[in-house]
Amino acid sequence: MATPLEGRTIVITGSGRGIGSEVAKLAGKLGANVIVNDPGVNLDGTGSDEGPAAVIAQEINDNGGVAVANFDTVATEEGGENMIRQAVDTFGRIDGVIHVAGILRDRMIFNMTEEEWDEVISVHLTGYFNVVKPASVLMRQQRYGRIVGFSSGSGLRGQTGQANYGAAKSGIAGMTRVLARDLGRYGITSNVIAPGAATRMTASIPDAAQSLRAQQGIQVQERRESGVTSLRDPSYVAPMVCYLMTDQAWDVNGQVFNVSGGQVGLSHEIYDFRQLNKAGRWTYEELRDLVPGQLMQGLRNPAPPPDDLDLPGRPVSN
């Protein structure tokens, strides 16, 4: 019996470690020809090490799958093109792209440097473009393809100290929705995974930042010294990603899936939650009176200022 991904060739960026490695191993088990991409950089994007990609590719081959390692960076146009070229030169075609690669340069916006901004955007968002662009040319010609980008809670809801990362991850979600409309007519689907898993990236978040996020009601990753907790293991994310690569997911397109532990959630597209309607133009005075009590009723400020801060416009408490 044929396996679900038999004969399909998939490029997986950032697959030498963490979620990417689990996706690569499962894809190989399901019959795919896997390009295991990872330049082996540190969390901040520095350094290089061919070991992680080579090890995962060898593990897939040792377990009866087919994989080759790739050490290019997604941060350059040349790197993205090389990955797709290697897939075609080695296996004759490209069927899927999964963009997991990422780095962190966490900093509050008022302290963030332009370099810290550019480095994160180049790997996450520009990196997505660099690998999807050349793949889409070939997928359009063959009238078949699967694309999966990775977003996050930071990109969809916001997290402290991650303006660069959050912007990139939000951009990936937005770009994927556009790809779905650009490419759907050619038999190509594009979807997003927003994972919840404990990886070396989440483990690198300082305790102070974790505490601040918890105070603001933002869910934080559960950690322990010996490693990840079982339900936060990256392997829990892989099955949904691989399902989206299969022929059976031919009509799943332009969606964002939240995957964490045993939960797979579908995010609702962004529509108006509430509306104020008027047959004409609103005045400032009308909006001043109606927005707080009607449009914003029951909604909280994600990071309210402390009570002792004297703010203009804030009602005086008795």
C-alpha atoms as a PDB file:
ATOM      1  CA  MET A   1       0.000   0.000   0.000  1.00  0.00           C
ATOM      2  CA  ALA A   2       1.297   3.443  -0.940  1.00  0.00           C
ATOM      3  CA  THR A   3       2.172   5.789   1.887  1.00  0.00           C
ATOM      4  CA  PRO A   4       0.424   9.200   1.962  1.00  0.00           C
ATOM      5  CA  LEU A   5       3.445  11.174   0.720  1.00  0.00           C
ATOM      6  CA  GLU A   6       5.057   8.559  -1.499  1.00  0.00           C
ATOM      7  CA  GLY A   7       6.795  10.145  -4.467  1.00  0.00           C
ATOM      8  CA  ARG A   8       6.361  13.683  -3.158  1.00  0.00           C
ATOM      9  CA  THR A   9       9.411  15.873  -2.670  1.00  0.00           C
ATOM     10  CA  ILE A  10       9.306  18.345   0.203  1.00  0.00           C
ATOM     11  CA  VAL A  11      11.733  21.059   1.277  1.00  0.00           C
ATOM     12  CA  ILE A  12      11.608  21.741   5.027  1.00  0.00           C
ATOM     13  CA  THR A  13      13.541  24.775   6.241  1.00  0.00           C
ATOM     14  CA  GLY A  14      14.987  24.789   9.746  1.00  0.00           C
ATOM     15  CA  SER A  15      14.519  21.035  10.036  1.00  0.00           C
ATOM     16  CA  GLY A  16      17.742  20.118  11.775  1.00  0.00           C
ATOM     17  CA  ARG A  17      16.236  20.703  15.209  1.00  0.00           C
ATOM     18  CA  GLY A  18      12.958  21.209  17.075  1.00  0.00           C
ATOM     19  CA  ILE A  19       9.630  21.200  15.276  1.00  0.00           C
ATOM     20  CA  GLY A  20      11.252  21.133  11.863  1.00  0.00           C
ATOM     21  CA  SER A  21      13.160  17.942  12.611  1.00  0.00           C
ATOM     22  CA  GLU A  22       9.993  16.200  13.817  1.00  0.00           C
ATOM     23  CA  VAL A  23       8.149  17.265  10.668  1.00  0.00           C
ATOM     24  CA  ALA A  24      11.017  16.017   8.508  1.00  0.00           C
ATOM     25  CA  LYS A  25      11.164  12.635  10.227  1.00  0.00           C
ATOM     26  CA  LEU A  26       7.418  12.090   9.948  1.00  0.00           C
ATOM     27  CA  ALA A  27       7.366  13.205   6.319  1.00  0.00           C
ATOM     28  CA  GLY A  28      10.112  10.697   5.594  1.00  0.00           C
ATOM     29  CA  LYS A  29       8.186   7.975   7.391  1.00  0.00           C
ATOM     30  CA  LEU A  30       5.120   8.805   5.293  1.00  0.00           C
ATOM     31  CA  GLY A  31       7.095   8.286   2.104  1.00  0.00           C
ATOM     32  CA  ALA A  32       8.270  11.766   1.103  1.00  0.00           C
ATOM     33  CA  ASN A  33      11.634  12.621  -0.376  1.00  0.00           C
ATOM     34  CA  VAL A  34      12.852  15.172   2.149  1.00  0.00           C
ATOM     35  CA  ILE A  35      15.278  18.058   1.769  1.00  0.00           C
ATOM     36  CA  VAL A  36      16.416  18.643   5.349  1.00  0.00           C
ATOM     37  CA  ASN A  37      17.492  22.277   5.369  1.00  0.00           C
ATOM     38  CA  ASP A  38      19.368  23.788   8.287  1.00  0.00           C
ATOM     39  CA  PRO A  39      22.525  25.934   8.284  1.00  0.00           C
ATOM     40  CA  GLY A  40      22.920  25.108  11.975  1.00  0.00           C
ATOM     41  CA  VAL A  41      22.932  28.656  13.262  1.00  0.00           C
ATOM     42  CA  ASN A  42      22.536  29.782  16.850  1.00  0.00           C
ATOM     43  CA  LEU A  43      19.233  31.199  18.061  1.00  0.00           C
ATOM     44  CA  ASP A  44      20.345  34.709  17.166  1.00  0.00           C
ATOM     45  CA  GLY A  45      21.323  33.678  13.644  1.00  0.00           C
ATOM     46  CA  THR A  46      25.085  33.597  14.179  1.00  0.00           C
ATOM     47  CA  GLY A  47      27.454  30.719  13.478  1.00  0.00           C
ATOM     48  CA  SER A  48      26.937  27.637  11.331  1.00  0.00           C
ATOM     49  CA  ASP A  49      27.005  23.877  11.790  1.00  0.00           C
ATOM     50  CA  GLU A  50      26.197  21.241   9.172  1.00  0.00           C
ATOM     51  CA  GLY A  51      25.683  18.634  11.869  1.00  0.00           C
ATOM     52  CA  PRO A  52      21.967  19.077  12.684  1.00  0.00           C
ATOM     53  CA  ALA A  53      20.717  18.753   9.080  1.00  0.00           C
ATOM     54  CA  ALA A  54      23.099  15.894   8.316  1.00  0.00           C
ATOM     55  CA  VAL A  55      22.067  13.978  11.426  1.00  0.00           C
ATOM     56  CA  ILE A  56      18.332  14.237  10.709  1.00  0.00           C
ATOM     57  CA  ALA A  57      18.786  13.304   7.040  1.00  0.00           C
ATOM     58  CA  GLN A  58      20.809  10.259   8.070  1.00  0.00           C
ATOM     59  CA  GLU A  59      18.197   9.276  10.651  1.00  0.00           C
ATOM     60  CA  ILE A  60      15.457   9.399   8.018  1.00  0.00           C
ATOM     61  CA  ASN A  61      17.527   7.257   5.649  1.00  0.00           C
ATOM     62  CA  ASP A  62      18.421   4.783   8.399  1.00  0.00           C
ATOM     63  CA  ASN A  63      14.709   4.330   9.126  1.00  0.00           C
ATOM     64  CA  GLY A  64      13.870   3.455   5.541  1.00  0.00           C
ATOM     65  CA  GLY A  65      13.057   6.929   4.235  1.00  0.00           C
ATOM     66  CA  VAL A  66      14.758   9.113   1.668  1.00  0.00           C
ATOM     67  CA  ALA A  67      16.402  12.408   2.616  1.00  0.00           C
ATOM     68  CA  VAL A  68      19.311  14.674   1.756  1.00  0.00           C
ATOM     69  CA  ALA A  69      20.739  17.522   3.796  1.00  0.00           C
ATOM     70  CA  ASN A  70      20.922  21.155   2.717  1.00  0.00           C
ATOM     71  CA  PHE A  71      22.900  23.853   4.523  1.00  0.00           C
ATOM     72  CA  ASP A  72      21.771  27.021   2.721  1.00  0.00           C
ATOM     73  CA  THR A  73      20.245  30.001   4.511  1.00  0.00           C
ATOM     74  CA  VAL A  74      16.699  31.101   3.741  1.00  0.00           C
ATOM     75  CA  ALA A  75      17.746  34.693   4.395  1.00  0.00           C
ATOM     76  CA  THR A  76      19.065  35.100   0.848  1.00  0.00           C
ATOM     77  CA  GLU A  77      17.449  34.689  -2.559  1.00  0.00           C
ATOM     78  CA  GLU A  78      20.306  32.445  -3.603  1.00  0.00           C
ATOM     79  CA  GLY A  79      19.795  30.171  -0.590  1.00  0.00           C
ATOM     80  CA  GLY A  80      16.102  29.694  -1.293  1.00  0.00           C
ATOM     81  CA  GLU A  81      16.726  28.956  -4.957  1.00  0.00           C
ATOM     82  CA  ASN A  82      19.451  26.461  -4.083  1.00  0.00           C
ATOM     83  CA  MET A  83      17.071  24.448  -1.898  1.00  0.00           C
ATOM     84  CA  ILE A  84      14.487  24.145  -4.654  1.00  0.00           C
ATOM     85  CA  ARG A  85      17.161  23.397  -7.256  1.00  0.00           C
ATOM     86  CA  GLN A  86      18.571  20.637  -5.068  1.00  0.00           C
ATOM     87  CA  ALA A  87      15.111  19.102  -4.725  1.00  0.00           C
ATOM     88  CA  VAL A  88      14.579  19.073  -8.491  1.00  0.00           C
ATOM     89  CA  ASP A  89      18.115  17.931  -9.324  1.00  0.00           C
ATOM     90  CA  THR A  90      17.937  15.086  -6.791  1.00  0.00           C
ATOM     91  CA  PHE A  91      14.333  13.921  -7.078  1.00  0.00           C
ATOM     92  CA  GLY A  92      13.035  15.433 -10.307  1.00  0.00           C
ATOM     93  CA  ARG A  93      10.350  17.720  -8.862  1.00  0.00           C
ATOM     94  CA  ILE A  94       9.217  19.876  -5.948  1.00  0.00           C
ATOM     95  CA  ASP A  95       5.830  19.193  -4.354  1.00  0.00           C
ATOM     96  CA  GLY A  96       5.916  20.901  -0.983  1.00  0.00           C
ATOM     97  CA  VAL A  97       7.592  23.669   0.989  1.00  0.00           C
ATOM     98  CA  ILE A  98       7.414  23.889   4.775  1.00  0.00           C
ATOM     99  CA  HIS A  99       9.045  26.986   6.249  1.00  0.00           C
ATOM    100  CA  VAL A 100       9.934  26.428   9.898  1.00  0.00           C
ATOM    101  CA  ALA A 101      13.296  28.225  10.057  1.00  0.00           C
ATOM    102  CA  GLY A 102      13.540  31.067  12.528  1.00  0.00           C
ATOM    103  CA  ILE A 103      15.710  33.038  14.921  1.00  0.00           C
ATOM    104  CA  LEU A 104      15.052  35.308  17.897  1.00  0.00           C
ATOM    105  CA  ARG A 105      16.356  38.754  18.759  1.00  0.00           C
ATOM    106  CA  ASP A 106      13.964  39.687  21.574  1.00  0.00           C
ATOM    107  CA  ARG A 107      14.081  43.300  22.697  1.00  0.00           C
ATOM    108  CA  MET A 108      11.569  45.934  23.738  1.00  0.00           C
ATOM    109  CA  ILE A 109      10.814  48.182  20.786  1.00  0.00           C
ATOM    110  CA  PHE A 110      12.458  51.245  22.349  1.00  0.00           C
ATOM    111  CA  ASN A 111      15.720  49.306  22.697  1.00  0.00           C
ATOM    112  CA  MET A 112      15.622  47.325  19.447  1.00  0.00           C
ATOM    113  CA  THR A 113      18.302  48.024  16.873  1.00  0.00           C
ATOM    114  CA  GLU A 114      17.726  48.099  13.138  1.00  0.00           C
ATOM    115  CA  GLU A 115      20.036  45.099  12.806  1.00  0.00           C
ATOM    116  CA  GLU A 116      17.940  43.091  15.297  1.00  0.00           C
ATOM    117  CA  TRP A 117      14.840  44.000  13.307  1.00  0.00           C
ATOM    118  CA  ASP A 118      16.358  43.167   9.922  1.00  0.00           C
ATOM    119  CA  GLU A 119      17.893  39.845  10.959  1.00  0.00           C
ATOM    120  CA  VAL A 120      14.628  38.416  12.265  1.00  0.00           C
ATOM    121  CA  ILE A 121      12.555  39.676   9.337  1.00  0.00           C
ATOM    122  CA  SER A 122      15.089  38.293   6.845  1.00  0.00           C
ATOM    123  CA  VAL A 123      14.944  34.744   8.198  1.00  0.00           C
ATOM    124  CA  HIS A 124      11.241  34.475   8.974  1.00  0.00           C
ATOM    125  CA  LEU A 125       9.368  36.622   6.469  1.00  0.00           C
ATOM    126  CA  THR A 126      11.840  37.268   3.661  1.00  0.00           C
ATOM    127  CA  GLY A 127      13.004  33.681   4.081  1.00  0.00           C
ATOM    128  CA  TYR A 128       9.454  32.497   3.404  1.00  0.00           C
ATOM    129  CA  PHE A 129       9.432  34.498   0.174  1.00  0.00           C
ATOM    130  CA  ASN A 130      12.901  33.277  -0.816  1.00  0.00           C
ATOM    131  CA  VAL A 131      11.908  29.623  -0.748  1.00  0.00           C
ATOM    132  CA  VAL A 132       8.258  29.916  -1.853  1.00  0.00           C
ATOM    133  CA  LYS A 133       8.943  32.124  -4.888  1.00  0.00           C
ATOM    134  CA  PRO A 134      11.122  29.641  -6.836  1.00  0.00           C
ATOM    135  CA  ALA A 135       8.986  26.698  -5.722  1.00  0.00           C
ATOM    136  CA  SER A 136       5.779  28.407  -6.885  1.00  0.00           C
ATOM    137  CA  VAL A 137       7.135  28.822 -10.425  1.00  0.00           C
ATOM    138  CA  LEU A 138       7.526  25.063 -10.780  1.00  0.00           C
ATOM    139  CA  MET A 139       4.379  24.184  -8.831  1.00  0.00           C
ATOM    140  CA  ARG A 140       2.340  26.428 -11.138  1.00  0.00           C
ATOM    141  CA  GLN A 141       3.718  24.647 -14.186  1.00  0.00           C
ATOM    142  CA  GLN A 142       2.960  21.187 -12.813  1.00  0.00           C
ATOM    143  CA  ARG A 143      -0.448  22.274 -11.425  1.00  0.00           C
ATOM    144  CA  TYR A 144       0.276  20.874  -7.979  1.00  0.00           C
ATOM    145  CA  GLY A 145       1.871  22.036  -4.764  1.00  0.00           C
ATOM    146  CA  ARG A 146       1.643  22.347  -0.995  1.00  0.00           C
ATOM    147  CA  ILE A 147       2.948  25.292   1.036  1.00  0.00           C
ATOM    148  CA  VAL A 148       2.932  25.587   4.832  1.00  0.00           C
ATOM    149  CA  GLY A 149       4.241  28.613   6.701  1.00  0.00           C
ATOM    150  CA  PHE A 150       4.761  28.906  10.444  1.00  0.00           C
ATOM    151  CA  SER A 151       3.252  31.756  12.432  1.00  0.00           C
ATOM    152  CA  SER A 152       2.934  32.054  16.223  1.00  0.00           C
ATOM    153  CA  GLY A 153       0.928  33.521  19.051  1.00  0.00           C
ATOM    154  CA  SER A 154       3.276  36.489  18.934  1.00  0.00           C
ATOM    155  CA  GLY A 155       2.260  37.191  15.362  1.00  0.00           C
ATOM    156  CA  LEU A 156      -1.448  36.512  15.819  1.00  0.00           C
ATOM    157  CA  ARG A 157      -1.997  38.011  19.287  1.00  0.00           C
ATOM    158  CA  GLY A 158       1.217  39.756  20.305  1.00  0.00           C
ATOM    159  CA  GLN A 159       3.878  39.078  22.944  1.00  0.00           C
ATOM    160  CA  THR A 160       6.077  41.436  24.907  1.00  0.00           C
ATOM    161  CA  GLY A 161       9.494  42.234  23.484  1.00  0.00           C
ATOM    162  CA  GLN A 162       8.930  40.647  20.089  1.00  0.00           C
ATOM    163  CA  ALA A 163       8.126  43.450  17.660  1.00  0.00           C
ATOM    164  CA  ASN A 164      10.441  41.970  15.045  1.00  0.00           C
ATOM    165  CA  TYR A 165       9.383  38.354  15.535  1.00  0.00           C
ATOM    166  CA  GLY A 166       5.692  39.217  15.876  1.00  0.00           C
ATOM    167  CA  ALA A 167       5.722  41.359  12.746  1.00  0.00           C
ATOM    168  CA  ALA A 168       7.421  38.582  10.782  1.00  0.00           C
ATOM    169  CA  LYS A 169       5.032  35.906  12.014  1.00  0.00           C
ATOM    170  CA  SER A 170       1.993  38.090  11.348  1.00  0.00           C
ATOM    171  CA  GLY A 171       3.408  38.764   7.892  1.00  0.00           C
ATOM    172  CA  ILE A 172       3.710  35.033   7.235  1.00  0.00           C
ATOM    173  CA  ALA A 173       0.027  34.553   8.069  1.00  0.00           C
ATOM    174  CA  GLY A 174      -0.971  37.443   5.819  1.00  0.00           C
ATOM    175  CA  MET A 175       1.304  36.333   3.003  1.00  0.00           C
ATOM    176  CA  THR A 176      -0.086  32.798   3.175  1.00  0.00           C
ATOM    177  CA  ARG A 177      -3.645  34.049   2.752  1.00  0.00           C
ATOM    178  CA  VAL A 178      -2.505  35.914  -0.360  1.00  0.00           C
ATOM    179  CA  LEU A 179      -0.653  32.847  -1.667  1.00  0.00           C
ATOM    180  CA  ALA A 180      -3.846  30.842  -1.278  1.00  0.00           C
ATOM    181  CA  ARG A 181      -5.623  33.248  -3.613  1.00  0.00           C
ATOM    182  CA  ASP A 182      -2.726  33.645  -6.043  1.00  0.00           C
ATOM    183  CA  LEU A 183      -1.979  29.946  -6.394  1.00  0.00           C
ATOM    184  CA  GLY A 184      -5.184  28.073  -5.552  1.00  0.00           C
ATOM    185  CA  ARG A 185      -6.333  28.019  -9.169  1.00  0.00           C
ATOM    186  CA  TYR A 186      -3.220  26.024 -10.063  1.00  0.00           C
ATOM    187  CA  GLY A 187      -3.895  23.230  -7.580  1.00  0.00           C
ATOM    188  CA  ILE A 188      -1.565  24.691  -4.959  1.00  0.00           C
ATOM    189  CA  THR A 189      -2.646  25.072  -1.339  1.00  0.00           C
ATOM    190  CA  SER A 190      -1.098  27.421   1.222  1.00  0.00           C
ATOM    191  CA  ASN A 191      -1.763  27.192   4.947  1.00  0.00           C
ATOM    192  CA  VAL A 192      -0.281  28.302   8.262  1.00  0.00           C
ATOM    193  CA  ILE A 193       0.601  26.461  11.456  1.00  0.00           C
ATOM    194  CA  ALA A 194       0.794  28.403  14.732  1.00  0.00           C
ATOM    195  CA  PRO A 195       2.490  25.842  16.992  1.00  0.00           C
ATOM    196  CA  GLY A 196       2.567  25.515  20.738  1.00  0.00           C
ATOM    197  CA  ALA A 197       5.644  23.482  21.609  1.00  0.00           C
ATOM    198  CA  ALA A 198       8.658  23.637  23.863  1.00  0.00           C
ATOM    199  CA  THR A 199      11.815  24.069  21.801  1.00  0.00           C
ATOM    200  CA  ARG A 200      15.252  25.593  22.286  1.00  0.00           C
ATOM    201  CA  MET A 201      13.705  28.850  21.022  1.00  0.00           C
ATOM    202  CA  THR A 202      10.992  28.988  23.676  1.00  0.00           C
ATOM    203  CA  ALA A 203      13.462  27.795  26.319  1.00  0.00           C
ATOM    204  CA  SER A 204      15.637  30.806  25.543  1.00  0.00           C
ATOM    205  CA  ILE A 205      13.008  33.325  26.669  1.00  0.00           C
ATOM    206  CA  PRO A 206      14.277  34.895  29.918  1.00  0.00           C
ATOM    207  CA  ASP A 207      12.374  34.189  33.128  1.00  0.00           C
ATOM    208  CA  ALA A 208      11.685  37.912  33.538  1.00  0.00           C
ATOM    209  CA  ALA A 209       9.967  38.032  30.159  1.00  0.00           C
ATOM    210  CA  GLN A 210       8.002  34.875  30.950  1.00  0.00           C
ATOM    211  CA  SER A 211       6.824  36.456  34.225  1.00  0.00           C
ATOM    212  CA  LEU A 212       5.789  39.690  32.514  1.00  0.00           C
ATOM    213  CA  ARG A 213       3.810  37.818  29.893  1.00  0.00           C
ATOM    214  CA  ALA A 214       2.072  35.758  32.564  1.00  0.00           C
ATOM    215  CA  GLN A 215       1.057  38.943  34.403  1.00  0.00           C
ATOM    216  CA  GLN A 216      -0.523  40.206  31.213  1.00  0.00           C
ATOM    217  CA  GLY A 217      -2.512  37.017  30.721  1.00  0.00           C
ATOM    218  CA  ILE A 218      -0.312  35.740  27.888  1.00  0.00           C
ATOM    219  CA  GLN A 219       0.128  31.983  27.916  1.00  0.00           C
ATOM    220  CA  VAL A 220       3.744  31.008  28.556  1.00  0.00           C
ATOM    221  CA  GLN A 221       5.529  27.813  27.636  1.00  0.00           C
ATOM    222  CA  GLU A 222       5.880  25.285  30.422  1.00  0.00           C
ATOM    223  CA  ARG A 223       9.539  24.427  31.034  1.00  0.00           C
ATOM    224  CA  ARG A 224      11.615  22.133  33.172  1.00  0.00           C
ATOM    225  CA  GLU A 225      15.339  21.645  33.473  1.00  0.00           C
ATOM    226  CA  SER A 226      15.408  18.155  32.001  1.00  0.00           C
ATOM    227  CA  GLY A 227      13.654  19.210  28.786  1.00  0.00           C
ATOM    228  CA  VAL A 228      10.166  19.617  27.423  1.00  0.00           C
ATOM    229  CA  THR A 229       7.016  18.382  29.059  1.00  0.00           C
ATOM    230  CA  SER A 230       5.325  15.573  27.158  1.00  0.00           C
ATOM    231  CA  LEU A 231       2.389  17.553  25.773  1.00  0.00           C
ATOM    232  CA  ARG A 232       4.686  20.350  24.625  1.00  0.00           C
ATOM    233  CA  ASP A 233       6.909  18.015  22.650  1.00  0.00           C
ATOM    234  CA  PRO A 234       7.502  19.240  19.066  1.00  0.00           C
ATOM    235  CA  SER A 235       6.423  15.859  17.688  1.00  0.00           C
ATOM    236  CA  TYR A 236       2.805  16.769  18.461  1.00  0.00           C
ATOM    237  CA  VAL A 237       2.904  19.460  15.774  1.00  0.00           C
ATOM    238  CA  ALA A 238       4.213  17.264  12.950  1.00  0.00           C
ATOM    239  CA  PRO A 239       1.094  15.217  12.035  1.00  0.00           C
ATOM    240  CA  MET A 240      -1.041  18.245  11.128  1.00  0.00           C
ATOM    241  CA  VAL A 241       1.769  19.719   9.049  1.00  0.00           C
ATOM    242  CA  CYS A 242       2.217  16.473   7.148  1.00  0.00           C
ATOM    243  CA  TYR A 243      -1.522  16.063   6.630  1.00  0.00           C
ATOM    244  CA  LEU A 244      -1.570  19.440   4.873  1.00  0.00           C
ATOM    245  CA  MET A 245       1.093  18.062   2.497  1.00  0.00           C
ATOM    246  CA  THR A 246      -1.101  15.166   1.343  1.00  0.00           C
ATOM    247  CA  ASP A 247      -3.437  14.838  -1.630  1.00  0.00           C
ATOM    248  CA  GLN A 248      -6.327  14.442   0.814  1.00  0.00           C
ATOM    249  CA  ALA A 249      -5.905  18.082   1.893  1.00  0.00           C
ATOM    250  CA  TRP A 250      -6.493  19.329  -1.665  1.00  0.00           C
ATOM    251  CA  ASP A 251      -9.287  21.720  -0.606  1.00  0.00           C
ATOM    252  CA  VAL A 252      -7.759  23.057   2.633  1.00  0.00           C
ATOM    253  CA  ASN A 253      -6.430  26.445   1.619  1.00  0.00           C
ATOM    254  CA  GLY A 254      -5.684  29.823   3.191  1.00  0.00           C
ATOM    255  CA  GLN A 255      -6.235  28.671   6.778  1.00  0.00           C
ATOM    256  CA  VAL A 256      -4.411  29.183  10.083  1.00  0.00           C
ATOM    257  CA  PHE A 257      -4.253  26.180  12.403  1.00  0.00           C
ATOM    258  CA  ASN A 258      -3.241  26.369  16.077  1.00  0.00           C
ATOM    259  CA  VAL A 259      -1.546  23.102  17.010  1.00  0.00           C
ATOM    260  CA  SER A 260      -0.427  22.312  20.540  1.00  0.00           C
ATOM    261  CA  GLY A 261      -0.283  18.972  22.307  1.00  0.00           C
ATOM    262  CA  GLY A 262      -3.456  17.071  21.511  1.00  0.00           C
ATOM    263  CA  GLN A 263      -5.310  20.156  20.263  1.00  0.00           C
ATOM    264  CA  VAL A 264      -5.755  21.268  16.676  1.00  0.00           C
ATOM    265  CA  GLY A 265      -7.665  24.528  16.362  1.00  0.00           C
ATOM    266  CA  LEU A 266      -8.809  26.463  13.314  1.00  0.00           C
ATOM    267  CA  SER A 267      -8.471  30.237  13.590  1.00  0.00           C
ATOM    268  CA  HIS A 268     -11.404  32.275  12.365  1.00  0.00           C
ATOM    269  CA  GLU A 269     -10.730  34.758   9.626  1.00  0.00           C
ATOM    270  CA  ILE A 270     -10.680  38.358  10.780  1.00  0.00           C
ATOM    271  CA  TYR A 271     -14.071  39.999  10.393  1.00  0.00           C
ATOM    272  CA  ASP A 272     -15.795  42.812  12.245  1.00  0.00           C
ATOM    273  CA  PHE A 273     -16.589  41.676  15.757  1.00  0.00           C
ATOM    274  CA  ARG A 274     -18.904  44.612  16.444  1.00  0.00           C
ATOM    275  CA  GLN A 275     -20.019  47.598  14.442  1.00  0.00           C
ATOM    276  CA  LEU A 276     -21.292  51.098  14.936  1.00  0.00           C
ATOM    277  CA  ASN A 277     -23.523  52.042  12.019  1.00  0.00           C
ATOM    278  CA  LYS A 278     -24.779  55.419  10.920  1.00  0.00           C
ATOM    279  CA  ALA A 279     -26.209  56.802   7.696  1.00  0.00           C
ATOM    280  CA  GLY A 280     -23.493  59.399   7.388  1.00  0.00           C
ATOM    281  CA  ARG A 281     -20.153  60.455   8.861  1.00  0.00           C
ATOM    282  CA  TRP A 282     -19.488  60.024  12.568  1.00  0.00           C
ATOM    283  CA  THR A 283     -18.531  63.019  14.653  1.00  0.00           C
ATOM    284  CA  TYR A 284     -15.722  62.982  17.196  1.00  0.00           C
ATOM    285  CA  GLU A 285     -18.232  63.583  20.005  1.00  0.00           C
ATOM    286  CA  GLU A 286     -20.373  60.614  18.977  1.00  0.00           C
ATOM    287  CA  LEU A 287     -17.389  58.278  18.794  1.00  0.00           C
ATOM    288  CA  ARG A 288     -16.057  59.560  22.114  1.00  0.00           C
ATOM    289  CA  ASP A 289     -19.325  58.524  23.754  1.00  0.00           C
ATOM    290  CA  LEU A 290     -20.054  55.291  21.867  1.00  0.00           C
ATOM    291  CA  VAL A 291     -16.688  53.581  21.329  1.00  0.00           C
ATOM    292  CA  PRO A 292     -15.917  52.879  25.030  1.00  0.00           C
ATOM    293  CA  GLY A 293     -19.406  51.725  25.990  1.00  0.00           C
ATOM    294  CA  GLN A 294     -20.415  49.819  22.862  1.00  0.00           C
ATOM    295  CA  LEU A 295     -17.579  48.968  20.490  1.00  0.00           C
ATOM    296  CA  MET A 296     -15.082  48.171  23.269  1.00  0.00           C
ATOM    297  CA  GLN A 297     -17.495  46.791  25.860  1.00  0.00           C
ATOM    298  CA  GLY A 298     -15.986  43.870  27.776  1.00  0.00           C
ATOM    299  CA  LEU A 299     -12.646  44.036  25.960  1.00  0.00           C
ATOM    300  CA  ARG A 300      -9.487  44.526  28.010  1.00  0.00           C
ATOM    301  CA  ASN A 301      -6.309  46.420  27.406  1.00  0.00           C
ATOM    302  CA  PRO A 302      -3.621  43.722  26.930  1.00  0.00           C
ATOM    303  CA  ALA A 303      -1.088  45.811  28.866  1.00  0.00           C
ATOM    304  CA  PRO A 304      -2.885  48.399  31.017  1.00  0.00           C
ATOM    305  CA  PRO A 305      -0.811  51.100  32.713  1.00  0.00           C
ATOM    306  CA  PRO A 306      -0.543  50.900  36.509  1.00  0.00           C
ATOM    307  CA  ASP A 307      -3.262  52.520  38.610  1.00  0.00           C
ATOM    308  CA  ASP A 308      -0.883  55.081  40.076  1.00  0.00           C
ATOM    309  CA  LEU A 309       0.076  56.473  36.673  1.00  0.00           C
ATOM    310  CA  ASP A 310      -1.637  59.815  36.149  1.00  0.00           C
ATOM    311  CA  LEU A 311      -2.885  59.608  32.579  1.00  0.00           C
ATOM    312  CA  PRO A 312      -4.784  62.340  30.719  1.00  0.00           C
ATOM    313  CA  GLY A 313      -8.269  61.077  29.883  1.00  0.00           C
ATOM    314  CA  ARG A 314      -8.345  58.370  32.532  1.00  0.00           C
ATOM    315  CA  PRO A 315     -11.409  58.600  34.788  1.00  0.00           C
ATOM    316  CA  VAL A 316     -10.611  59.523  38.355  1.00  0.00           C
ATOM    317  CA  SER A 317     -11.481  56.673  40.716  1.00  0.00           C
ATOM    318  CA  ASN A 318     -13.285  57.495  43.958  1.00  0.00           C
END
